[in-house]
Amino acid sequence: MKEVAKKIAEALEKQSIFWKDHFLQRMLQRKITMKNIFDVLESFEIIEEYLDDKPFPSYLLIGHSEKEPIHVVLSLNDEDVELYMITVYRPDKKMWDETYRRRKK
């Protein structure tokens, strides 16, 4: 996953980010700001991989903004080093453990 994290950082550095309509709608709906998103992307951990997603593998990231956990799902075009922002949300305590890194069973 370190290689994926490096590619994500590389795409961010070259500002190769594509914002899906769904992502932007969820940001507005959930009152998550661009600052929140970039706080997460500055220091994140990949907690789930969806390697079979098409057209590119997707990843669930956790990061924090203003001491609040936020999950971001993005897809990575590894070849062209591009990010496709899919969705964003604040993890629900009922569905996630206390670290917000593992789903409750």
PDB file of N, CA and C in Angstrom:
ATOM      1  N   MET A   1       0.818  -1.204   0.000  1.00  0.00           N
ATOM      2  CA  MET A   1       0.000   0.000   0.000  1.00  0.00           C
ATOM      3  C   MET A   1       0.856   1.260   0.000  1.00  0.00           C
ATOM      4  N   LYS A   2       2.136   1.119   0.364  1.00  0.00           N
ATOM      5  CA  LYS A   2       3.015   2.290   0.356  1.00  0.00           C
ATOM      6  C   LYS A   2       3.165   2.862  -1.046  1.00  0.00           C
ATOM      7  N   GLU A   3       3.238   1.976  -2.046  1.00  0.00           N
ATOM      8  CA  GLU A   3       3.356   2.437  -3.431  1.00  0.00           C
ATOM      9  C   GLU A   3       2.106   3.205  -3.858  1.00  0.00           C
ATOM     10  N   VAL A   4       0.944   2.720  -3.433  1.00  0.00           N
ATOM     11  CA  VAL A   4      -0.319   3.402  -3.755  1.00  0.00           C
ATOM     12  C   VAL A   4      -0.328   4.780  -3.097  1.00  0.00           C
ATOM     13  N   ALA A   5       0.074   4.843  -1.836  1.00  0.00           N
ATOM     14  CA  ALA A   5       0.113   6.129  -1.124  1.00  0.00           C
ATOM     15  C   ALA A   5       1.056   7.103  -1.835  1.00  0.00           C
ATOM     16  N   LYS A   6       2.171   6.607  -2.326  1.00  0.00           N
ATOM     17  CA  LYS A   6       3.109   7.465  -3.061  1.00  0.00           C
ATOM     18  C   LYS A   6       2.475   7.988  -4.349  1.00  0.00           C
ATOM     19  N   LYS A   7       1.743   7.121  -5.056  1.00  0.00           N
ATOM     20  CA  LYS A   7       1.081   7.532  -6.293  1.00  0.00           C
ATOM     21  C   LYS A   7      -0.011   8.566  -6.014  1.00  0.00           C
ATOM     22  N   ILE A   8      -0.734   8.379  -4.919  1.00  0.00           N
ATOM     23  CA  ILE A   8      -1.758   9.358  -4.536  1.00  0.00           C
ATOM     24  C   ILE A   8      -1.099  10.709  -4.269  1.00  0.00           C
ATOM     25  N   ALA A   9      -0.009  10.696  -3.512  1.00  0.00           N
ATOM     26  CA  ALA A   9       0.719  11.936  -3.212  1.00  0.00           C
ATOM     27  C   ALA A   9       1.244  12.582  -4.491  1.00  0.00           C
ATOM     28  N   GLU A  10       1.726  11.761  -5.412  1.00  0.00           N
ATOM     29  CA  GLU A  10       2.228  12.272  -6.689  1.00  0.00           C
ATOM     30  C   GLU A  10       1.105  12.937  -7.498  1.00  0.00           C
ATOM     31  N   ALA A  11      -0.053  12.301  -7.543  1.00  0.00           N
ATOM     32  CA  ALA A  11      -1.196  12.876  -8.263  1.00  0.00           C
ATOM     33  C   ALA A  11      -1.629  14.194  -7.622  1.00  0.00           C
ATOM     34  N   LEU A  12      -1.616  14.244  -6.299  1.00  0.00           N
ATOM     35  CA  LEU A  12      -1.973  15.483  -5.598  1.00  0.00           C
ATOM     36  C   LEU A  12      -0.978  16.582  -5.929  1.00  0.00           C
ATOM     37  N   GLU A  13       0.297  16.227  -5.925  1.00  0.00           N
ATOM     38  CA  GLU A  13       1.336  17.211  -6.207  1.00  0.00           C
ATOM     39  C   GLU A  13       1.181  17.806  -7.606  1.00  0.00           C
ATOM     40  N   LYS A  14       0.841  16.966  -8.571  1.00  0.00           N
ATOM     41  CA  LYS A  14       0.674  17.484  -9.932  1.00  0.00           C
ATOM     42  C   LYS A  14      -0.762  17.951 -10.203  1.00  0.00           C
ATOM     43  N   GLN A  15      -1.583  17.970  -9.149  1.00  0.00           N
ATOM     44  CA  GLN A  15      -2.966  18.446  -9.206  1.00  0.00           C
ATOM     45  C   GLN A  15      -3.772  17.724 -10.285  1.00  0.00           C
ATOM     46  N   SER A  16      -3.561  16.432 -10.346  1.00  0.00           N
ATOM     47  CA  SER A  16      -4.268  15.593 -11.315  1.00  0.00           C
ATOM     48  C   SER A  16      -5.436  14.908 -10.606  1.00  0.00           C
ATOM     49  N   ILE A  17      -6.462  15.724 -10.306  1.00  0.00           N
ATOM     50  CA  ILE A  17      -7.607  15.273  -9.518  1.00  0.00           C
ATOM     51  C   ILE A  17      -8.880  15.546 -10.312  1.00  0.00           C
ATOM     52  N   PHE A  18      -9.719  14.534 -10.395  1.00  0.00           N
ATOM     53  CA  PHE A  18     -11.007  14.672 -11.070  1.00  0.00           C
ATOM     54  C   PHE A  18     -12.106  14.470 -10.032  1.00  0.00           C
ATOM     55  N   TRP A  19     -12.968  15.459  -9.917  1.00  0.00           N
ATOM     56  CA  TRP A  19     -14.013  15.469  -8.901  1.00  0.00           C
ATOM     57  C   TRP A  19     -15.315  14.960  -9.515  1.00  0.00           C
ATOM     58  N   LYS A  20     -15.741  13.778  -9.118  1.00  0.00           N
ATOM     59  CA  LYS A  20     -17.002  13.217  -9.598  1.00  0.00           C
ATOM     60  C   LYS A  20     -18.163  14.034  -9.043  1.00  0.00           C
ATOM     61  N   ASP A  21     -19.229  14.153  -9.816  1.00  0.00           N
ATOM     62  CA  ASP A  21     -20.414  14.887  -9.357  1.00  0.00           C
ATOM     63  C   ASP A  21     -20.920  14.340  -8.020  1.00  0.00           C
ATOM     64  N   HIS A  22     -20.938  13.022  -7.910  1.00  0.00           N
ATOM     65  CA  HIS A  22     -21.403  12.389  -6.674  1.00  0.00           C
ATOM     66  C   HIS A  22     -20.580  12.873  -5.470  1.00  0.00           C
ATOM     67  N   PHE A  23     -19.276  12.966  -5.650  1.00  0.00           N
ATOM     68  CA  PHE A  23     -18.390  13.420  -4.583  1.00  0.00           C
ATOM     69  C   PHE A  23     -18.761  14.840  -4.152  1.00  0.00           C
ATOM     70  N   LEU A  24     -18.913  15.710  -5.120  1.00  0.00           N
ATOM     71  CA  LEU A  24     -19.234  17.113  -4.818  1.00  0.00           C
ATOM     72  C   LEU A  24     -20.608  17.238  -4.161  1.00  0.00           C
ATOM     73  N   GLN A  25     -21.563  16.447  -4.615  1.00  0.00           N
ATOM     74  CA  GLN A  25     -22.893  16.452  -4.005  1.00  0.00           C
ATOM     75  C   GLN A  25     -22.821  16.008  -2.542  1.00  0.00           C
ATOM     76  N   ARG A  26     -22.051  14.950  -2.296  1.00  0.00           N
ATOM     77  CA  ARG A  26     -21.933  14.446  -0.921  1.00  0.00           C
ATOM     78  C   ARG A  26     -21.210  15.441  -0.022  1.00  0.00           C
ATOM     79  N   MET A  27     -20.221  16.131  -0.562  1.00  0.00           N
ATOM     80  CA  MET A  27     -19.536  17.171   0.220  1.00  0.00           C
ATOM     81  C   MET A  27     -20.538  18.216   0.702  1.00  0.00           C
ATOM     82  N   LEU A  28     -21.334  18.710  -0.228  1.00  0.00           N
ATOM     83  CA  LEU A  28     -22.316  19.741   0.114  1.00  0.00           C
ATOM     84  C   LEU A  28     -23.347  19.197   1.100  1.00  0.00           C
ATOM     85  N   GLN A  29     -23.874  18.045   0.795  1.00  0.00           N
ATOM     86  CA  GLN A  29     -24.901  17.419   1.628  1.00  0.00           C
ATOM     87  C   GLN A  29     -24.402  17.182   3.057  1.00  0.00           C
ATOM     88  N   ARG A  30     -23.146  16.784   3.183  1.00  0.00           N
ATOM     89  CA  ARG A  30     -22.583  16.417   4.491  1.00  0.00           C
ATOM     90  C   ARG A  30     -21.776  17.544   5.127  1.00  0.00           C
ATOM     91  N   LYS A  31     -21.813  18.711   4.491  1.00  0.00           N
ATOM     92  CA  LYS A  31     -21.118  19.896   4.998  1.00  0.00           C
ATOM     93  C   LYS A  31     -19.634  19.622   5.257  1.00  0.00           C
ATOM     94  N   ILE A  32     -19.014  19.003   4.263  1.00  0.00           N
ATOM     95  CA  ILE A  32     -17.578  18.741   4.293  1.00  0.00           C
ATOM     96  C   ILE A  32     -16.937  19.710   3.303  1.00  0.00           C
ATOM     97  N   THR A  33     -15.953  20.453   3.753  1.00  0.00           N
ATOM     98  CA  THR A  33     -15.352  21.499   2.932  1.00  0.00           C
ATOM     99  C   THR A  33     -14.133  20.988   2.157  1.00  0.00           C
ATOM    100  N   MET A  34     -13.713  21.777   1.188  1.00  0.00           N
ATOM    101  CA  MET A  34     -12.476  21.460   0.455  1.00  0.00           C
ATOM    102  C   MET A  34     -11.294  21.421   1.421  1.00  0.00           C
ATOM    103  N   LYS A  35     -11.283  22.320   2.384  1.00  0.00           N
ATOM    104  CA  LYS A  35     -10.210  22.301   3.376  1.00  0.00           C
ATOM    105  C   LYS A  35     -10.196  20.963   4.107  1.00  0.00           C
ATOM    106  N   ASN A  36     -11.384  20.470   4.498  1.00  0.00           N
ATOM    107  CA  ASN A  36     -11.470  19.163   5.150  1.00  0.00           C
ATOM    108  C   ASN A  36     -10.860  18.081   4.265  1.00  0.00           C
ATOM    109  N   ILE A  37     -11.217  18.097   2.985  1.00  0.00           N
ATOM    110  CA  ILE A  37     -10.725  17.089   2.041  1.00  0.00           C
ATOM    111  C   ILE A  37      -9.206  17.150   1.949  1.00  0.00           C
ATOM    112  N   PHE A  38      -8.666  18.337   1.776  1.00  0.00           N
ATOM    113  CA  PHE A  38      -7.215  18.452   1.629  1.00  0.00           C
ATOM    114  C   PHE A  38      -6.481  18.170   2.936  1.00  0.00           C
ATOM    115  N   ASP A  39      -7.106  18.430   4.074  1.00  0.00           N
ATOM    116  CA  ASP A  39      -6.516  18.007   5.354  1.00  0.00           C
ATOM    117  C   ASP A  39      -6.359  16.490   5.376  1.00  0.00           C
ATOM    118  N   VAL A  40      -7.403  15.795   4.954  1.00  0.00           N
ATOM    119  CA  VAL A  40      -7.371  14.326   4.915  1.00  0.00           C
ATOM    120  C   VAL A  40      -6.280  13.855   3.959  1.00  0.00           C
ATOM    121  N   LEU A  41      -6.213  14.471   2.790  1.00  0.00           N
ATOM    122  CA  LEU A  41      -5.263  14.028   1.775  1.00  0.00           C
ATOM    123  C   LEU A  41      -3.812  14.358   2.116  1.00  0.00           C
ATOM    124  N   GLU A  42      -3.600  15.281   3.035  1.00  0.00           N
ATOM    125  CA  GLU A  42      -2.241  15.595   3.481  1.00  0.00           C
ATOM    126  C   GLU A  42      -1.660  14.486   4.338  1.00  0.00           C
ATOM    127  N   SER A  43      -2.528  13.821   5.094  1.00  0.00           N
ATOM    128  CA  SER A  43      -2.059  12.792   6.023  1.00  0.00           C
ATOM    129  C   SER A  43      -3.148  11.740   6.155  1.00  0.00           C
ATOM    130  N   PHE A  44      -3.051  10.702   5.349  1.00  0.00           N
ATOM    131  CA  PHE A  44      -4.101   9.689   5.313  1.00  0.00           C
ATOM    132  C   PHE A  44      -3.510   8.301   5.506  1.00  0.00           C
ATOM    133  N   GLU A  45      -4.408   7.382   5.746  1.00  0.00           N
ATOM    134  CA  GLU A  45      -4.060   5.967   5.804  1.00  0.00           C
ATOM    135  C   GLU A  45      -5.059   5.233   4.915  1.00  0.00           C
ATOM    136  N   ILE A  46      -4.565   4.312   4.114  1.00  0.00           N
ATOM    137  CA  ILE A  46      -5.443   3.483   3.294  1.00  0.00           C
ATOM    138  C   ILE A  46      -5.949   2.350   4.191  1.00  0.00           C
ATOM    139  N   ILE A  47      -7.282   2.259   4.346  1.00  0.00           N
ATOM    140  CA  ILE A  47      -7.820   1.232   5.238  1.00  0.00           C
ATOM    141  C   ILE A  47      -8.527   0.105   4.504  1.00  0.00           C
ATOM    142  N   GLU A  48      -8.910   0.330   3.256  1.00  0.00           N
ATOM    143  CA  GLU A  48      -9.496  -0.736   2.451  1.00  0.00           C
ATOM    144  C   GLU A  48      -9.095  -0.519   0.997  1.00  0.00           C
ATOM    145  N   GLU A  49      -8.928  -1.643   0.296  1.00  0.00           N
ATOM    146  CA  GLU A  49      -8.629  -1.610  -1.131  1.00  0.00           C
ATOM    147  C   GLU A  49      -9.738  -2.343  -1.876  1.00  0.00           C
ATOM    148  N   TYR A  50     -10.124  -1.784  -3.015  1.00  0.00           N
ATOM    149  CA  TYR A  50     -11.110  -2.415  -3.878  1.00  0.00           C
ATOM    150  C   TYR A  50     -10.438  -2.590  -5.244  1.00  0.00           C
ATOM    151  N   LEU A  51      -9.589  -3.589  -5.313  1.00  0.00           N
ATOM    152  CA  LEU A  51      -8.713  -3.760  -6.469  1.00  0.00           C
ATOM    153  C   LEU A  51      -9.447  -4.174  -7.742  1.00  0.00           C
ATOM    154  N   ASP A  52     -10.645  -4.725  -7.598  1.00  0.00           N
ATOM    155  CA  ASP A  52     -11.415  -5.159  -8.763  1.00  0.00           C
ATOM    156  C   ASP A  52     -12.324  -4.071  -9.322  1.00  0.00           C
ATOM    157  N   ASP A  53     -12.351  -2.900  -8.696  1.00  0.00           N
ATOM    158  CA  ASP A  53     -13.183  -1.812  -9.210  1.00  0.00           C
ATOM    159  C   ASP A  53     -12.718  -1.420 -10.602  1.00  0.00           C
ATOM    160  N   LYS A  54     -13.671  -0.985 -11.410  1.00  0.00           N
ATOM    161  CA  LYS A  54     -13.383  -0.590 -12.791  1.00  0.00           C
ATOM    162  C   LYS A  54     -13.796   0.860 -13.001  1.00  0.00           C
ATOM    163  N   PRO A  55     -13.107   1.632 -13.783  1.00  0.00           N
ATOM    164  CA  PRO A  55     -11.995   1.224 -14.618  1.00  0.00           C
ATOM    165  C   PRO A  55     -10.655   1.167 -13.877  1.00  0.00           C
ATOM    166  N   PHE A  56     -10.615   1.680 -12.624  1.00  0.00           N
ATOM    167  CA  PHE A  56      -9.370   1.679 -11.862  1.00  0.00           C
ATOM    168  C   PHE A  56      -9.644   1.194 -10.436  1.00  0.00           C
ATOM    169  N   PRO A  57      -8.636   0.640  -9.787  1.00  0.00           N
ATOM    170  CA  PRO A  57      -8.804   0.248  -8.380  1.00  0.00           C
ATOM    171  C   PRO A  57      -9.180   1.463  -7.518  1.00  0.00           C
ATOM    172  N   SER A  58      -9.963   1.194  -6.467  1.00  0.00           N
ATOM    173  CA  SER A  58     -10.381   2.251  -5.545  1.00  0.00           C
ATOM    174  C   SER A  58      -9.845   1.961  -4.154  1.00  0.00           C
ATOM    175  N   TYR A  59      -9.811   3.003  -3.345  1.00  0.00           N
ATOM    176  CA  TYR A  59      -9.254   2.902  -2.006  1.00  0.00           C
ATOM    177  C   TYR A  59     -10.078   3.736  -1.033  1.00  0.00           C
ATOM    178  N   LEU A  60     -10.254   3.202   0.160  1.00  0.00           N
ATOM    179  CA  LEU A  60     -10.909   3.934   1.240  1.00  0.00           C
ATOM    180  C   LEU A  60      -9.811   4.486   2.128  1.00  0.00           C
ATOM    181  N   LEU A  61      -9.797   5.798   2.276  1.00  0.00           N
ATOM    182  CA  LEU A  61      -8.799   6.471   3.104  1.00  0.00           C
ATOM    183  C   LEU A  61      -9.456   7.002   4.360  1.00  0.00           C
ATOM    184  N   ILE A  62      -8.689   7.028   5.430  1.00  0.00           N
ATOM    185  CA  ILE A  62      -9.119   7.755   6.619  1.00  0.00           C
ATOM    186  C   ILE A  62      -8.088   8.845   6.877  1.00  0.00           C
ATOM    187  N   GLY A  63      -8.602   9.978   7.268  1.00  0.00           N
ATOM    188  CA  GLY A  63      -7.757  11.092   7.665  1.00  0.00           C
ATOM    189  C   GLY A  63      -8.551  11.939   8.636  1.00  0.00           C
ATOM    190  N   HIS A  64      -7.946  12.999   9.097  1.00  0.00           N
ATOM    191  CA  HIS A  64      -8.616  13.858  10.069  1.00  0.00           C
ATOM    192  C   HIS A  64      -8.549  15.311   9.627  1.00  0.00           C
ATOM    193  N   SER A  65      -9.596  16.020   9.950  1.00  0.00           N
ATOM    194  CA  SER A  65      -9.650  17.455   9.748  1.00  0.00           C
ATOM    195  C   SER A  65     -10.338  18.038  10.966  1.00  0.00           C
ATOM    196  N   GLU A  66      -9.684  18.990  11.581  1.00  0.00           N
ATOM    197  CA  GLU A  66     -10.220  19.595  12.801  1.00  0.00           C
ATOM    198  C   GLU A  66     -10.558  18.514  13.826  1.00  0.00           C
ATOM    199  N   LYS A  67      -9.653  17.552  13.966  1.00  0.00           N
ATOM    200  CA  LYS A  67      -9.739  16.441  14.933  1.00  0.00           C
ATOM    201  C   LYS A  67     -10.913  15.503  14.681  1.00  0.00           C
ATOM    202  N   GLU A  68     -11.499  15.596  13.503  1.00  0.00           N
ATOM    203  CA  GLU A  68     -12.651  14.779  13.164  1.00  0.00           C
ATOM    204  C   GLU A  68     -12.251  13.767  12.086  1.00  0.00           C
ATOM    205  N   PRO A  69     -12.620  12.480  12.261  1.00  0.00           N
ATOM    206  CA  PRO A  69     -12.294  11.491  11.228  1.00  0.00           C
ATOM    207  C   PRO A  69     -13.182  11.678   9.996  1.00  0.00           C
ATOM    208  N   ILE A  70     -12.567  11.519   8.842  1.00  0.00           N
ATOM    209  CA  ILE A  70     -13.290  11.609   7.574  1.00  0.00           C
ATOM    210  C   ILE A  70     -12.791  10.487   6.681  1.00  0.00           C
ATOM    211  N   HIS A  71     -13.727   9.828   6.014  1.00  0.00           N
ATOM    212  CA  HIS A  71     -13.395   8.802   5.031  1.00  0.00           C
ATOM    213  C   HIS A  71     -13.539   9.383   3.632  1.00  0.00           C
ATOM    214  N   VAL A  72     -12.574   9.088   2.788  1.00  0.00           N
ATOM    215  CA  VAL A  72     -12.595   9.478   1.381  1.00  0.00           C
ATOM    216  C   VAL A  72     -12.410   8.213   0.562  1.00  0.00           C
ATOM    217  N   VAL A  73     -13.258   8.044  -0.440  1.00  0.00           N
ATOM    218  CA  VAL A  73     -13.075   6.952  -1.387  1.00  0.00           C
ATOM    219  C   VAL A  73     -12.624   7.580  -2.700  1.00  0.00           C
ATOM    220  N   LEU A  74     -11.517   7.070  -3.206  1.00  0.00           N
ATOM    221  CA  LEU A  74     -11.010   7.566  -4.476  1.00  0.00           C
ATOM    222  C   LEU A  74     -10.517   6.411  -5.321  1.00  0.00           C
ATOM    223  N   SER A  75     -10.421   6.684  -6.596  1.00  0.00           N
ATOM    224  CA  SER A  75      -9.922   5.710  -7.552  1.00  0.00           C
ATOM    225  C   SER A  75      -8.613   6.257  -8.100  1.00  0.00           C
ATOM    226  N   LEU A  76      -7.666   5.359  -8.346  1.00  0.00           N
ATOM    227  CA  LEU A  76      -6.342   5.773  -8.807  1.00  0.00           C
ATOM    228  C   LEU A  76      -6.030   5.159 -10.166  1.00  0.00           C
ATOM    229  N   ASN A  77      -5.822   6.033 -11.135  1.00  0.00           N
ATOM    230  CA  ASN A  77      -5.296   5.611 -12.433  1.00  0.00           C
ATOM    231  C   ASN A  77      -3.787   5.615 -12.262  1.00  0.00           C
ATOM    232  N   ASP A  78      -3.250   4.450 -11.985  1.00  0.00           N
ATOM    233  CA  ASP A  78      -1.833   4.287 -11.670  1.00  0.00           C
ATOM    234  C   ASP A  78      -0.940   4.670 -12.850  1.00  0.00           C
ATOM    235  N   GLU A  79      -1.368   4.316 -14.042  1.00  0.00           N
ATOM    236  CA  GLU A  79      -0.545   4.561 -15.237  1.00  0.00           C
ATOM    237  C   GLU A  79      -0.361   6.050 -15.506  1.00  0.00           C
ATOM    238  N   ASP A  80      -1.460   6.810 -15.473  1.00  0.00           N
ATOM    239  CA  ASP A  80      -1.390   8.250 -15.745  1.00  0.00           C
ATOM    240  C   ASP A  80      -1.282   9.093 -14.482  1.00  0.00           C
ATOM    241  N   VAL A  81      -1.249   8.452 -13.342  1.00  0.00           N
ATOM    242  CA  VAL A  81      -1.170   9.105 -12.027  1.00  0.00           C
ATOM    243  C   VAL A  81      -2.265  10.161 -11.888  1.00  0.00           C
ATOM    244  N   GLU A  82      -3.508   9.681 -11.900  1.00  0.00           N
ATOM    245  CA  GLU A  82      -4.681  10.546 -11.775  1.00  0.00           C
ATOM    246  C   GLU A  82      -5.576  10.011 -10.669  1.00  0.00           C
ATOM    247  N   LEU A  83      -6.190  10.932  -9.934  1.00  0.00           N
ATOM    248  CA  LEU A  83      -7.142  10.572  -8.883  1.00  0.00           C
ATOM    249  C   LEU A  83      -8.553  10.908  -9.336  1.00  0.00           C
ATOM    250  N   TYR A  84      -9.476  10.017  -9.029  1.00  0.00           N
ATOM    251  CA  TYR A  84     -10.892  10.256  -9.267  1.00  0.00           C
ATOM    252  C   TYR A  84     -11.590  10.177  -7.915  1.00  0.00           C
ATOM    253  N   MET A  85     -12.070  11.316  -7.459  1.00  0.00           N
ATOM    254  CA  MET A  85     -12.694  11.398  -6.144  1.00  0.00           C
ATOM    255  C   MET A  85     -14.122  10.855  -6.248  1.00  0.00           C
ATOM    256  N   ILE A  86     -14.427   9.811  -5.478  1.00  0.00           N
ATOM    257  CA  ILE A  86     -15.699   9.106  -5.620  1.00  0.00           C
ATOM    258  C   ILE A  86     -16.731   9.529  -4.573  1.00  0.00           C
ATOM    259  N   THR A  87     -16.376   9.458  -3.292  1.00  0.00           N
ATOM    260  CA  THR A  87     -17.319   9.896  -2.255  1.00  0.00           C
ATOM    261  C   THR A  87     -16.547  10.250  -0.988  1.00  0.00           C
ATOM    262  N   VAL A  88     -17.250  10.914  -0.081  1.00  0.00           N
ATOM    263  CA  VAL A  88     -16.665  11.347   1.186  1.00  0.00           C
ATOM    264  C   VAL A  88     -17.750  11.343   2.251  1.00  0.00           C
ATOM    265  N   TYR A  89     -17.371  10.959   3.470  1.00  0.00           N
ATOM    266  CA  TYR A  89     -18.341  10.942   4.569  1.00  0.00           C
ATOM    267  C   TYR A  89     -17.624  10.905   5.908  1.00  0.00           C
ATOM    268  N   ARG A  90     -18.372  11.243   6.933  1.00  0.00           N
ATOM    269  CA  ARG A  90     -17.901  11.070   8.310  1.00  0.00           C
ATOM    270  C   ARG A  90     -18.331   9.671   8.743  1.00  0.00           C
ATOM    271  N   PRO A  91     -17.389   8.842   9.172  1.00  0.00           N
ATOM    272  CA  PRO A  91     -17.760   7.472   9.548  1.00  0.00           C
ATOM    273  C   PRO A  91     -18.710   7.438  10.742  1.00  0.00           C
ATOM    274  N   ASP A  92     -19.669   6.534  10.677  1.00  0.00           N
ATOM    275  CA  ASP A  92     -20.684   6.355  11.714  1.00  0.00           C
ATOM    276  C   ASP A  92     -20.148   5.438  12.809  1.00  0.00           C
ATOM    277  N   LYS A  93     -20.222   5.893  14.047  1.00  0.00           N
ATOM    278  CA  LYS A  93     -19.739   5.105  15.192  1.00  0.00           C
ATOM    279  C   LYS A  93     -20.441   3.757  15.307  1.00  0.00           C
ATOM    280  N   LYS A  94     -21.655   3.671  14.781  1.00  0.00           N
ATOM    281  CA  LYS A  94     -22.397   2.411  14.843  1.00  0.00           C
ATOM    282  C   LYS A  94     -21.828   1.371  13.883  1.00  0.00           C
ATOM    283  N   MET A  95     -21.161   1.835  12.828  1.00  0.00           N
ATOM    284  CA  MET A  95     -20.665   0.928  11.793  1.00  0.00           C
ATOM    285  C   MET A  95     -19.166   0.664  11.869  1.00  0.00           C
ATOM    286  N   TRP A  96     -18.431   1.528  12.579  1.00  0.00           N
ATOM    287  CA  TRP A  96     -16.973   1.450  12.610  1.00  0.00           C
ATOM    288  C   TRP A  96     -16.478   1.313  14.040  1.00  0.00           C
ATOM    289  N   ASP A  97     -15.326   0.689  14.201  1.00  0.00           N
ATOM    290  CA  ASP A  97     -14.731   0.587  15.535  1.00  0.00           C
ATOM    291  C   ASP A  97     -14.288   1.976  16.013  1.00  0.00           C
ATOM    292  N   GLU A  98     -13.716   2.033  17.205  1.00  0.00           N
ATOM    293  CA  GLU A  98     -13.358   3.330  17.794  1.00  0.00           C
ATOM    294  C   GLU A  98     -12.248   4.050  17.033  1.00  0.00           C
ATOM    295  N   THR A  99     -11.492   3.327  16.199  1.00  0.00           N
ATOM    296  CA  THR A  99     -10.447   3.963  15.390  1.00  0.00           C
ATOM    297  C   THR A  99     -10.963   4.393  14.019  1.00  0.00           C
ATOM    298  N   TYR A 100     -12.160   3.961  13.676  1.00  0.00           N
ATOM    299  CA  TYR A 100     -12.794   4.212  12.379  1.00  0.00           C
ATOM    300  C   TYR A 100     -12.033   3.562  11.223  1.00  0.00           C
ATOM    301  N   ARG A 101     -11.246   2.531  11.557  1.00  0.00           N
ATOM    302  CA  ARG A 101     -10.456   1.834  10.549  1.00  0.00           C
ATOM    303  C   ARG A 101     -11.007   0.452  10.207  1.00  0.00           C
ATOM    304  N   ARG A 102     -11.836  -0.093  11.083  1.00  0.00           N
ATOM    305  CA  ARG A 102     -12.397  -1.436  10.860  1.00  0.00           C
ATOM    306  C   ARG A 102     -13.907  -1.396  11.049  1.00  0.00           C
ATOM    307  N   ARG A 103     -14.574  -2.062  10.121  1.00  0.00           N
ATOM    308  CA  ARG A 103     -16.033  -2.146  10.222  1.00  0.00           C
ATOM    309  C   ARG A 103     -16.416  -3.068  11.379  1.00  0.00           C
ATOM    310  N   LYS A 104     -17.468  -2.705  12.081  1.00  0.00           N
ATOM    311  CA  LYS A 104     -17.983  -3.584  13.138  1.00  0.00           C
ATOM    312  C   LYS A 104     -18.675  -4.770  12.490  1.00  0.00           C
ATOM    313  N   LYS A 105     -18.639  -5.893  13.164  1.00  0.00           N
ATOM    314  CA  LYS A 105     -19.287  -7.103  12.613  1.00  0.00           C
ATOM    315  C   LYS A 105     -20.664  -7.298  13.143  1.00  0.00           C
TER     316      LYS A 105
END
